[in-house]
């Protein structure tokens, strides 16, 4: 689900507000049919196979910008470890939704990341070069910052409607919790078996 909201106030019926309101209505109803699609539930093995890269990193900064008529929030990720692909240093991840000027867009299932938080990111890069988290929140494992050598990773269950790709039936998502070492081993094992 997408929503667009104006921030701030101005005279109730000024020409500028009327134009912006009409723009938001057109934008909302133009995007709404595209963004209300039910998510396909992805297993951990699906995400490992379909990701173009998997990295462990920390959110460093963010900014929002338009791509066509959609606002994306672009997050700069400081990469600590590459588990799949060749990402190193920093990588930019785009998430649908955000605020530009007085217009805010939000999309159901899109994660909101905060500077300083650490995650394991399952990423997919399109032919146009836009890198996104696969399956929205499905491809995002938070890493506990508890000072341990093997922190817990958690992928919260999505609240969005999901279907099982094998049956087409609605299903409920489940939270996944495992130590970082176990997640790392699962990724390496899956990639090793896929290469054979």
Foldseek 3Di string as FASTA:
>chain_A
DKAKAFDDDDPDDDPVVVVVVVVRVCLCVVCVVVQQDAFADADLLRLLVQFQWKFKWFFADWDWDDDDSWIWIKTKTQTPDTLHHDDHGIDIAIWTWDDDHGMTMDGALADDHDGGWIWTASWHADPVGHIYGPRHLNRIWTFDPPPDPWTKTKRQWGPTWYAHVVPRHTDGGHMDIDTPVVSSVVSVVSVVVVVD
